Amino acid sequence: MSPILPCAELIKGFENDSKVSREQQKVLVVSFDGFRWDYIYKVPTPHFHYIMKYGVHVKQVTNVFITKTYPNHYTLVTGLFAENHGIIANDMFDPIHNKSFSLEHMNIYDSEFWEEATPIWITNQRAGHASGAAMWPGTDVKIHEGFPTYYLPYNESVSFEDRVAKIIEWFTAKDPINLGLLYWEEPDDTGHDVGPDSPLMGPVISDIDHKLGYLIKMLKKAKLWNNINLIITSDHGMTQCSKQRVIELDRYLDKDHYTLIDHSPVAAILPKE
């Protein structure tokens, strides 16, 4: 197996074996949301370093603007900048169709927002292969009349272990997938609550390393480790902020003159006529 760890990024590739044909190659992409590049050095992370030792470690990646979950995760699976694939923020407004897009509402499942690009699972399936996605943003949306072959509707309460179990099940099914996408919400959730430099991040990073170890163990148990390309990555990092660096819009603009569409790290405002 070949791993890639982008924290920036880690990649582990399968071992060079002539018995593994191009048609048998498998790829599993795992994203730990908000995993800053230096987290793996803040506390012991033996499983991340195991992949670094036997795979490839990319020290830095450049995120797309803005550095949020949905724009960057869609970039990872389309290869396009946000302005080209259309998912430019977690919350946005389309003045042409007079529609809003928000993670808090069901309108994120409106296909119109997603179809400016073709994600890799659609391309993979058009080539005659099968794809599986465990909570990856956008995979439970009908895009170009299709879904991944197998997918889990987004539910944050589903444990990492249960997500891994589904991925393993799909890779070993009678009609197995050759592309898997796995998403986990941490350390982003905690990072936003306590800040990336907080001592409270240590246990969270340790837990993620433990989860990575669990994934490795289950791949080996299912005899997938030696013929899968594993990519460990993230959508963005984060940096510590302070009250002194916050811009209060009300000091400069009358809030009756605009509608706030999105905020942090930048504000998206729609002027009122």
Protein backbone atom coordinates (compact mmCIF):
# COMPACT_ATOMS: atom_id res chain seq x y z
CA MET A 1 0.00 0.00 0.00
CA SER A 2 1.07 3.57 -0.58
CA PRO A 3 0.14 6.32 1.88
CA ILE A 4 0.02 10.08 1.35
CA LEU A 5 -0.18 12.35 4.32
CA PRO A 6 -0.94 15.92 3.49
CA CYS A 7 -0.80 17.69 6.75
CA ALA A 8 0.03 19.27 4.51
CA GLU A 9 -0.47 15.75 3.04
CA LEU A 10 0.45 12.08 3.48
CA ILE A 11 0.33 9.44 0.78
CA LYS A 12 0.91 5.73 1.04
CA GLY A 13 0.97 3.80 -2.22
CA PHE A 14 0.61 0.07 -2.61
CA GLU A 15 3.77 -1.97 -2.86
CA ASN A 16 5.23 -2.46 -6.34
CA ASP A 17 3.84 -5.85 -7.26
CA SER A 18 3.40 -6.92 -10.88
CA LYS A 19 0.37 -8.94 -9.79
CA VAL A 20 -1.51 -5.70 -9.07
CA SER A 21 -2.83 -4.46 -12.41
CA ARG A 22 -3.96 -0.92 -13.10
CA GLU A 23 -7.55 -2.16 -13.06
CA GLN A 24 -7.08 -3.45 -9.50
CA GLN A 25 -5.68 -0.24 -8.08
CA LYS A 26 -7.71 1.28 -5.27
CA VAL A 27 -7.68 4.76 -3.74
CA LEU A 28 -8.93 5.82 -0.31
CA VAL A 29 -8.94 9.55 0.51
CA VAL A 30 -9.37 10.48 4.18
CA SER A 31 -9.93 14.07 5.27
CA PHE A 32 -9.59 15.27 8.85
CA ASP A 33 -11.31 18.65 8.75
CA GLY A 34 -9.24 21.65 9.86
CA PHE A 35 -6.06 19.63 10.45
CA ARG A 36 -3.30 22.25 10.53
CA TRP A 37 0.03 21.23 9.00
CA ASP A 38 1.97 21.31 12.29
CA TYR A 39 -0.50 19.40 14.51
CA ILE A 40 1.43 16.17 13.94
CA TYR A 41 4.42 17.73 15.75
CA LYS A 42 2.56 19.16 18.75
CA VAL A 43 1.89 15.79 20.43
CA PRO A 44 3.08 12.23 19.76
CA THR A 45 1.38 10.98 16.58
CA PRO A 46 2.94 7.57 15.91
CA HIS A 47 0.41 6.51 13.27
CA PHE A 48 0.83 9.66 11.21
CA HIS A 49 4.58 9.24 11.42
CA TYR A 50 4.26 5.57 10.44
CA ILE A 51 2.65 6.66 7.18
CA MET A 52 5.24 9.42 6.75
CA LYS A 53 8.00 6.82 7.10
CA TYR A 54 6.59 4.39 4.54
CA GLY A 55 4.87 6.84 2.22
CA VAL A 56 5.18 10.42 1.04
CA HIS A 57 4.82 13.54 3.17
CA VAL A 58 3.91 16.79 1.45
CA LYS A 59 4.94 19.60 3.78
CA GLN A 60 2.60 22.25 2.44
CA VAL A 61 -0.52 22.60 0.33
CA THR A 62 -2.22 25.78 -0.85
CA ASN A 63 -5.92 25.94 -0.03
CA VAL A 64 -8.48 27.59 -2.26
CA PHE A 65 -10.09 30.83 -1.12
CA ILE A 66 -12.01 30.89 1.08
CA THR A 67 -10.49 28.38 3.47
CA LYS A 68 -13.69 26.66 4.49
CA THR A 69 -14.96 23.10 4.49
CA TYR A 70 -17.24 22.93 1.47
CA PRO A 71 -15.20 24.97 -1.06
CA ASN A 72 -12.01 23.05 -0.33
CA HIS A 73 -13.55 19.59 -0.17
CA TYR A 74 -15.20 20.16 -3.54
CA THR A 75 -11.89 21.38 -4.93
CA LEU A 76 -10.24 18.14 -3.75
CA VAL A 77 -12.70 16.04 -5.76
CA THR A 78 -13.01 18.26 -8.84
CA GLY A 79 -9.52 19.72 -9.25
CA LEU A 80 -11.01 23.19 -9.74
CA PHE A 81 -10.85 26.51 -7.94
CA ALA A 82 -13.99 27.51 -6.05
CA GLU A 83 -14.90 30.18 -8.61
CA ASN A 84 -14.92 27.43 -11.26
CA HIS A 85 -16.77 24.66 -9.42
CA GLY A 86 -19.32 27.02 -7.87
CA ILE A 87 -19.13 26.12 -4.17
CA ILE A 88 -17.49 29.37 -3.09
CA ALA A 89 -18.46 29.27 0.61
CA ASN A 90 -20.28 27.30 3.28
CA ASP A 91 -23.02 29.93 3.08
CA MET A 92 -23.75 31.82 -0.13
CA PHE A 93 -26.45 33.45 -2.21
CA ASP A 94 -27.08 33.12 -5.95
CA PRO A 95 -28.67 36.38 -7.18
CA ILE A 96 -29.42 34.90 -10.63
CA HIS A 97 -31.60 32.10 -9.25
CA ASN A 98 -32.49 34.03 -6.09
CA LYS A 99 -31.46 31.06 -3.94
CA SER A 100 -29.44 30.68 -0.76
CA PHE A 101 -27.02 27.89 0.12
CA SER A 102 -26.42 27.19 3.80
CA LEU A 103 -25.17 24.25 5.83
CA GLU A 104 -28.03 24.92 8.21
CA HIS A 105 -30.73 24.28 5.61
CA MET A 106 -31.80 21.62 3.12
CA ASN A 107 -30.97 23.89 0.18
CA ILE A 108 -27.45 22.47 0.19
CA TYR A 109 -29.03 19.48 -1.59
CA ASP A 110 -30.11 21.64 -4.54
CA SER A 111 -28.21 20.19 -7.50
CA GLU A 112 -27.97 23.58 -9.23
CA PHE A 113 -25.26 24.68 -6.82
CA TRP A 114 -23.06 21.65 -7.52
CA GLU A 115 -23.28 21.05 -11.24
CA GLU A 116 -20.77 23.60 -12.49
CA ALA A 117 -18.24 20.77 -12.08
CA THR A 118 -18.12 16.97 -12.23
CA PRO A 119 -16.77 15.33 -9.06
CA ILE A 120 -14.39 12.41 -9.30
CA TRP A 121 -16.93 9.79 -8.17
CA ILE A 122 -19.13 10.60 -11.17
CA THR A 123 -16.14 10.43 -13.52
CA ASN A 124 -15.05 7.15 -11.93
CA GLN A 125 -18.49 5.59 -12.36
CA ARG A 126 -18.80 6.78 -15.95
CA ALA A 127 -15.60 4.79 -16.55
CA GLY A 128 -17.34 1.66 -15.29
CA HIS A 129 -16.05 1.60 -11.71
CA ALA A 130 -17.74 1.90 -8.31
CA SER A 131 -17.27 4.62 -5.70
CA GLY A 132 -18.08 4.85 -1.98
CA ALA A 133 -18.31 7.89 0.29
CA ALA A 134 -18.66 8.10 4.06
CA MET A 135 -19.88 11.62 4.88
CA TRP A 136 -17.67 13.43 2.35
CA PRO A 137 -19.27 16.85 1.69
CA GLY A 138 -21.44 16.78 -1.41
CA THR A 139 -21.60 13.02 -1.85
CA ASP A 140 -25.21 12.80 -0.66
CA VAL A 141 -26.29 15.37 -3.26
CA LYS A 142 -27.64 14.26 -6.63
CA ILE A 143 -25.10 15.70 -9.08
CA HIS A 144 -25.49 15.25 -12.84
CA GLU A 145 -28.29 12.79 -12.13
CA GLY A 146 -26.13 10.56 -9.96
CA PHE A 147 -24.79 9.67 -6.52
CA PRO A 148 -21.76 7.60 -5.52
CA THR A 149 -22.40 3.87 -5.94
CA TYR A 150 -22.47 3.62 -2.15
CA TYR A 151 -22.76 6.53 0.26
CA LEU A 152 -23.87 7.52 3.73
CA PRO A 153 -26.26 10.47 4.07
CA TYR A 154 -24.51 13.06 6.21
CA ASN A 155 -24.98 12.47 9.93
CA GLU A 156 -22.37 13.92 12.27
CA SER A 157 -23.35 11.49 15.04
CA VAL A 158 -22.05 8.46 13.09
CA SER A 159 -18.78 7.37 14.70
CA PHE A 160 -15.46 7.22 12.89
CA GLU A 161 -15.37 3.46 13.47
CA ASP A 162 -18.76 3.02 11.80
CA ARG A 163 -17.64 5.09 8.84
CA VAL A 164 -14.51 2.94 8.50
CA ALA A 165 -16.66 -0.20 8.68
CA LYS A 166 -18.71 0.99 5.71
CA ILE A 167 -15.61 1.87 3.69
CA ILE A 168 -14.17 -1.61 4.35
CA GLU A 169 -17.51 -3.21 3.45
CA TRP A 170 -17.60 -1.37 0.12
CA PHE A 171 -13.99 -2.19 -0.77
CA THR A 172 -14.66 -5.88 -0.12
CA ALA A 173 -18.17 -6.10 -1.61
CA LYS A 174 -19.11 -8.41 -4.49
CA ASP A 175 -19.07 -5.28 -6.68
CA PRO A 176 -16.20 -3.53 -4.88
CA ILE A 177 -15.37 0.12 -5.09
CA ASN A 178 -12.01 1.31 -6.37
CA LEU A 179 -12.47 4.83 -4.93
CA GLY A 180 -13.35 5.58 -1.32
CA LEU A 181 -13.84 8.96 0.36
CA LEU A 182 -13.91 9.26 4.16
CA TYR A 183 -14.54 12.47 6.13
CA TRP A 184 -14.16 13.26 9.85
CA GLU A 185 -15.22 16.56 11.46
CA GLU A 186 -12.31 16.89 13.87
CA PRO A 187 -10.07 18.69 14.72
CA ASP A 188 -12.04 21.51 13.06
CA ASP A 189 -14.93 21.49 15.53
CA THR A 190 -12.69 21.74 18.58
CA GLY A 191 -10.26 24.14 16.90
CA HIS A 192 -13.06 26.65 16.32
CA ASP A 193 -14.20 26.32 19.94
CA VAL A 194 -10.87 26.63 21.77
CA GLY A 195 -8.39 27.90 19.17
CA PRO A 196 -5.65 25.96 17.39
CA ASP A 197 -2.95 26.89 19.91
CA SER A 198 -4.95 25.83 22.96
CA PRO A 199 -3.56 23.00 25.12
CA LEU A 200 -7.01 21.43 24.77
CA MET A 201 -6.15 20.57 21.16
CA GLY A 202 -3.55 18.03 22.30
CA PRO A 203 -6.02 15.30 23.32
CA VAL A 204 -8.01 15.86 20.12
CA ILE A 205 -4.93 15.37 17.92
CA SER A 206 -3.99 12.28 19.92
CA ASP A 207 -7.48 10.88 19.40
CA ILE A 208 -7.27 11.48 15.64
CA ASP A 209 -3.93 9.68 15.54
CA HIS A 210 -5.58 6.78 17.39
CA LYS A 211 -8.39 6.80 14.80
CA LEU A 212 -5.83 6.70 11.99
CA GLY A 213 -4.25 3.70 13.72
CA TYR A 214 -7.66 2.04 13.83
CA LEU A 215 -8.12 2.64 10.09
CA ILE A 216 -4.70 1.13 9.34
CA LYS A 217 -5.50 -1.90 11.50
CA MET A 218 -8.83 -2.49 9.78
CA LEU A 219 -7.32 -2.13 6.29
CA LYS A 220 -4.71 -4.72 7.20
CA LYS A 221 -7.31 -7.02 8.73
CA ALA A 222 -9.35 -6.84 5.52
CA LYS A 223 -6.19 -7.57 3.49
CA LEU A 224 -6.49 -4.22 1.72
CA TRP A 225 -3.32 -2.58 3.02
CA ASN A 226 -1.00 -3.88 0.31
CA ASN A 227 -3.16 -2.93 -2.68
CA ILE A 228 -4.62 0.44 -1.77
CA ASN A 229 -3.37 3.99 -2.21
CA LEU A 230 -4.18 5.88 0.99
CA ILE A 231 -4.29 9.67 1.00
CA ILE A 232 -4.58 11.46 4.35
CA THR A 233 -5.37 15.13 3.88
CA SER A 234 -7.34 18.12 5.12
CA ASP A 235 -9.33 20.96 3.65
CA HIS A 236 -7.63 23.79 5.52
CA GLY A 237 -5.80 24.73 8.70
CA MET A 238 -6.51 27.61 11.03
CA THR A 239 -4.65 30.30 12.90
CA GLN A 240 -5.10 31.91 16.29
CA CYS A 241 -7.08 35.14 16.29
CA SER A 242 -7.83 37.81 18.87
CA LYS A 243 -10.54 40.36 19.56
CA GLN A 244 -8.14 43.09 18.47
CA ARG A 245 -8.08 41.62 14.95
CA VAL A 246 -11.84 41.35 14.49
CA ILE A 247 -13.45 43.88 12.15
CA GLU A 248 -16.83 45.07 13.41
CA LEU A 249 -18.86 45.87 10.32
CA ASP A 250 -21.39 47.93 12.27
CA ARG A 251 -18.70 50.53 12.87
CA TYR A 252 -18.40 51.14 9.13
CA LEU A 253 -21.70 50.11 7.55
CA ASP A 254 -25.30 50.62 8.56
CA LYS A 255 -26.68 47.09 8.91
CA ASP A 256 -29.94 48.28 7.34
CA HIS A 257 -28.04 48.73 4.08
CA TYR A 258 -26.96 45.12 3.55
CA THR A 259 -27.75 41.47 4.22
CA LEU A 260 -24.97 39.40 5.78
CA ILE A 261 -24.58 36.18 3.79
CA ASP A 262 -21.41 34.72 5.33
CA HIS A 263 -18.84 35.69 7.93
CA SER A 264 -15.38 34.63 9.11
CA PRO A 265 -12.71 34.61 7.87
CA VAL A 266 -14.23 37.10 5.44
CA ALA A 267 -17.64 38.73 5.27
CA ALA A 268 -19.98 38.23 2.33
CA ILE A 269 -22.56 40.99 2.16
CA LEU A 270 -25.42 41.67 -0.24
CA PRO A 271 -26.21 45.40 -0.59
CA LYS A 272 -29.86 46.33 -0.27
CA GLU A 273 -31.38 48.46 -3.01
